[in-house]
Amino acid sequence: MASAYVLIEAAPKKARAACGKIAKLSGVCSAHLVTGPYYIIALGEGKDPAAIGKLVMARIQAVDGVGRTITCVVV
């Protein structure tokens, strides 16, 4: 099992809605609005790092309002 924190930039007026949608995605354990350079931090899990990559690229980045993401794999 692989885990990763995903730091997510979002459009300021869409961050709350985007966070709610991200939290409901399969593979996302939790998603929170935060202060700082990123609006959302999500914790994702998958069978391996490639599955995490698919989660981020195919599902998280497809959410309306999501901009740039940075994925930090837990070691």
N, C-alpha and C. Protein backbone atom coordinates (compact mmCIF):
# COMPACT_ATOMS: atom_id res chain seq x y z
N MET A 1 0.86 -1.18 0.00
CA MET A 1 0.00 0.00 0.00
C MET A 1 0.89 1.23 0.00
N ALA A 2 0.57 2.19 -0.83
CA ALA A 2 1.30 3.45 -0.90
C ALA A 2 0.38 4.59 -0.46
N SER A 3 0.98 5.58 0.19
CA SER A 3 0.24 6.76 0.63
C SER A 3 0.98 8.00 0.16
N ALA A 4 0.25 9.08 -0.04
CA ALA A 4 0.87 10.34 -0.44
C ALA A 4 0.01 11.51 0.00
N TYR A 5 0.68 12.59 0.35
CA TYR A 5 0.00 13.85 0.60
C TYR A 5 0.02 14.63 -0.70
N VAL A 6 -1.11 15.21 -1.05
CA VAL A 6 -1.20 15.99 -2.29
C VAL A 6 -1.49 17.44 -1.90
N LEU A 7 -0.57 18.32 -2.26
CA LEU A 7 -0.71 19.76 -2.00
C LEU A 7 -1.38 20.35 -3.23
N ILE A 8 -2.48 21.04 -3.01
CA ILE A 8 -3.33 21.45 -4.13
C ILE A 8 -3.56 22.95 -4.15
N GLU A 9 -3.18 23.59 -5.25
CA GLU A 9 -3.54 24.99 -5.47
C GLU A 9 -4.94 25.00 -6.07
N ALA A 10 -5.76 25.93 -5.63
CA ALA A 10 -7.13 26.01 -6.13
C ALA A 10 -7.54 27.46 -6.31
N ALA A 11 -8.51 27.67 -7.16
CA ALA A 11 -9.08 29.02 -7.32
C ALA A 11 -9.71 29.40 -5.99
N PRO A 12 -9.37 30.58 -5.45
CA PRO A 12 -9.85 30.96 -4.12
C PRO A 12 -11.36 30.80 -3.91
N LYS A 13 -12.16 31.18 -4.87
CA LYS A 13 -13.61 31.10 -4.70
C LYS A 13 -14.16 29.70 -4.92
N LYS A 14 -13.32 28.78 -5.39
CA LYS A 14 -13.77 27.41 -5.65
C LYS A 14 -13.13 26.40 -4.71
N ALA A 15 -12.26 26.86 -3.81
CA ALA A 15 -11.49 25.94 -2.97
C ALA A 15 -12.38 25.09 -2.06
N ARG A 16 -13.36 25.69 -1.42
CA ARG A 16 -14.22 24.94 -0.49
C ARG A 16 -14.99 23.83 -1.22
N ALA A 17 -15.58 24.16 -2.36
CA ALA A 17 -16.33 23.16 -3.13
C ALA A 17 -15.39 22.08 -3.66
N ALA A 18 -14.21 22.49 -4.14
CA ALA A 18 -13.24 21.52 -4.65
C ALA A 18 -12.79 20.56 -3.54
N CYS A 19 -12.57 21.08 -2.36
CA CYS A 19 -12.15 20.24 -1.23
C CYS A 19 -13.22 19.20 -0.93
N GLY A 20 -14.47 19.60 -0.93
CA GLY A 20 -15.56 18.66 -0.68
C GLY A 20 -15.63 17.56 -1.72
N LYS A 21 -15.42 17.92 -2.98
CA LYS A 21 -15.44 16.93 -4.06
C LYS A 21 -14.25 15.98 -3.96
N ILE A 22 -13.08 16.53 -3.66
CA ILE A 22 -11.87 15.71 -3.53
C ILE A 22 -12.02 14.72 -2.38
N ALA A 23 -12.58 15.16 -1.27
CA ALA A 23 -12.75 14.28 -0.10
C ALA A 23 -13.61 13.07 -0.41
N LYS A 24 -14.50 13.18 -1.40
CA LYS A 24 -15.40 12.08 -1.74
C LYS A 24 -14.83 11.12 -2.78
N LEU A 25 -13.67 11.44 -3.34
CA LEU A 25 -13.09 10.59 -4.38
C LEU A 25 -12.59 9.27 -3.80
N SER A 26 -12.77 8.20 -4.55
CA SER A 26 -12.23 6.90 -4.17
C SER A 26 -10.70 7.01 -4.15
N GLY A 27 -10.08 6.53 -3.09
CA GLY A 27 -8.63 6.61 -2.95
C GLY A 27 -8.17 7.78 -2.11
N VAL A 28 -9.06 8.72 -1.83
CA VAL A 28 -8.72 9.86 -0.97
C VAL A 28 -9.21 9.55 0.44
N CYS A 29 -8.27 9.52 1.39
CA CYS A 29 -8.61 9.24 2.79
C CYS A 29 -9.17 10.47 3.48
N SER A 30 -8.60 11.63 3.16
CA SER A 30 -9.06 12.88 3.76
C SER A 30 -8.60 14.05 2.90
N ALA A 31 -9.31 15.16 3.03
CA ALA A 31 -8.95 16.40 2.34
C ALA A 31 -9.34 17.56 3.24
N HIS A 32 -8.43 18.53 3.36
CA HIS A 32 -8.66 19.65 4.28
C HIS A 32 -8.28 20.97 3.63
N LEU A 33 -9.07 22.01 3.91
CA LEU A 33 -8.68 23.37 3.56
C LEU A 33 -7.60 23.80 4.53
N VAL A 34 -6.55 24.45 4.04
CA VAL A 34 -5.45 24.88 4.89
C VAL A 34 -5.02 26.30 4.51
N THR A 35 -4.24 26.92 5.38
CA THR A 35 -3.67 28.22 5.07
C THR A 35 -2.28 28.02 4.48
N GLY A 36 -1.78 29.04 3.81
CA GLY A 36 -0.45 28.95 3.22
C GLY A 36 -0.53 28.99 1.71
N PRO A 37 0.53 28.56 1.03
CA PRO A 37 0.57 28.66 -0.43
C PRO A 37 -0.38 27.69 -1.15
N TYR A 38 -0.86 26.67 -0.45
CA TYR A 38 -1.81 25.73 -1.03
C TYR A 38 -3.14 25.88 -0.30
N TYR A 39 -4.22 25.65 -0.99
CA TYR A 39 -5.55 25.79 -0.39
C TYR A 39 -6.05 24.48 0.20
N ILE A 40 -5.59 23.36 -0.36
CA ILE A 40 -6.09 22.04 0.05
C ILE A 40 -4.92 21.09 0.21
N ILE A 41 -4.98 20.25 1.24
CA ILE A 41 -4.05 19.12 1.37
C ILE A 41 -4.90 17.87 1.50
N ALA A 42 -4.61 16.88 0.65
CA ALA A 42 -5.35 15.62 0.65
C ALA A 42 -4.38 14.48 0.93
N LEU A 43 -4.89 13.45 1.59
CA LEU A 43 -4.13 12.22 1.81
C LEU A 43 -4.76 11.15 0.93
N GLY A 44 -3.95 10.57 0.06
CA GLY A 44 -4.44 9.53 -0.84
C GLY A 44 -3.73 8.21 -0.60
N GLU A 45 -4.41 7.12 -0.93
CA GLU A 45 -3.82 5.78 -0.83
C GLU A 45 -4.10 5.00 -2.09
N GLY A 46 -3.15 4.13 -2.43
CA GLY A 46 -3.30 3.25 -3.59
C GLY A 46 -2.43 2.04 -3.41
N LYS A 47 -2.55 1.08 -4.32
CA LYS A 47 -1.77 -0.16 -4.18
C LYS A 47 -0.28 0.07 -4.39
N ASP A 48 0.07 1.13 -5.13
CA ASP A 48 1.48 1.46 -5.37
C ASP A 48 1.55 2.93 -5.80
N PRO A 49 2.78 3.48 -5.92
CA PRO A 49 2.89 4.89 -6.32
C PRO A 49 2.24 5.20 -7.67
N ALA A 50 2.23 4.24 -8.58
CA ALA A 50 1.59 4.47 -9.88
C ALA A 50 0.09 4.70 -9.72
N ALA A 51 -0.53 3.98 -8.80
CA ALA A 51 -1.96 4.17 -8.54
C ALA A 51 -2.23 5.56 -7.96
N ILE A 52 -1.31 6.03 -7.13
CA ILE A 52 -1.44 7.39 -6.58
C ILE A 52 -1.34 8.40 -7.73
N GLY A 53 -0.41 8.18 -8.63
CA GLY A 53 -0.26 9.07 -9.78
C GLY A 53 -1.53 9.14 -10.61
N LYS A 54 -2.17 8.00 -10.82
CA LYS A 54 -3.44 7.99 -11.57
C LYS A 54 -4.53 8.73 -10.82
N LEU A 55 -4.58 8.55 -9.50
CA LEU A 55 -5.56 9.25 -8.68
C LEU A 55 -5.41 10.76 -8.85
N VAL A 56 -4.17 11.23 -8.78
CA VAL A 56 -3.92 12.66 -8.87
C VAL A 56 -4.22 13.18 -10.28
N MET A 57 -3.67 12.53 -11.28
CA MET A 57 -3.79 13.05 -12.64
C MET A 57 -5.18 12.87 -13.24
N ALA A 58 -5.83 11.75 -12.96
CA ALA A 58 -7.12 11.48 -13.60
C ALA A 58 -8.31 12.01 -12.81
N ARG A 59 -8.18 12.08 -11.49
CA ARG A 59 -9.36 12.44 -10.70
C ARG A 59 -9.21 13.76 -9.96
N ILE A 60 -8.14 13.93 -9.19
CA ILE A 60 -8.00 15.17 -8.42
C ILE A 60 -7.84 16.38 -9.34
N GLN A 61 -6.97 16.27 -10.34
CA GLN A 61 -6.75 17.41 -11.24
C GLN A 61 -7.96 17.70 -12.12
N ALA A 62 -8.89 16.79 -12.20
CA ALA A 62 -10.10 16.99 -13.00
C ALA A 62 -11.19 17.76 -12.25
N VAL A 63 -11.01 17.94 -10.95
CA VAL A 63 -12.01 18.65 -10.14
C VAL A 63 -11.99 20.14 -10.50
N ASP A 64 -13.17 20.71 -10.71
CA ASP A 64 -13.30 22.12 -11.05
C ASP A 64 -12.66 23.00 -9.97
N GLY A 65 -11.80 23.91 -10.40
CA GLY A 65 -11.14 24.83 -9.48
C GLY A 65 -9.74 24.42 -9.09
N VAL A 66 -9.37 23.16 -9.35
CA VAL A 66 -8.03 22.68 -9.00
C VAL A 66 -7.03 23.17 -10.02
N GLY A 67 -5.91 23.70 -9.51
CA GLY A 67 -4.82 24.13 -10.38
C GLY A 67 -3.65 23.17 -10.26
N ARG A 68 -2.52 23.68 -9.91
CA ARG A 68 -1.30 22.89 -9.78
C ARG A 68 -1.37 21.99 -8.56
N THR A 69 -0.77 20.80 -8.67
CA THR A 69 -0.67 19.88 -7.53
C THR A 69 0.77 19.45 -7.35
N ILE A 70 1.12 19.14 -6.12
CA ILE A 70 2.41 18.53 -5.80
C ILE A 70 2.12 17.29 -4.97
N THR A 71 2.67 16.16 -5.39
CA THR A 71 2.43 14.89 -4.71
C THR A 71 3.67 14.51 -3.91
N CYS A 72 3.47 14.27 -2.61
CA CYS A 72 4.56 13.91 -1.69
C CYS A 72 4.29 12.49 -1.19
N VAL A 73 5.01 11.51 -1.75
CA VAL A 73 4.81 10.11 -1.38
C VAL A 73 5.40 9.86 0.01
N VAL A 74 4.64 9.18 0.85
CA VAL A 74 5.11 8.82 2.19
C VAL A 74 6.13 7.69 2.05
N VAL A 75 7.27 7.84 2.74
CA VAL A 75 8.31 6.80 2.67
C VAL A 75 8.34 5.96 3.93
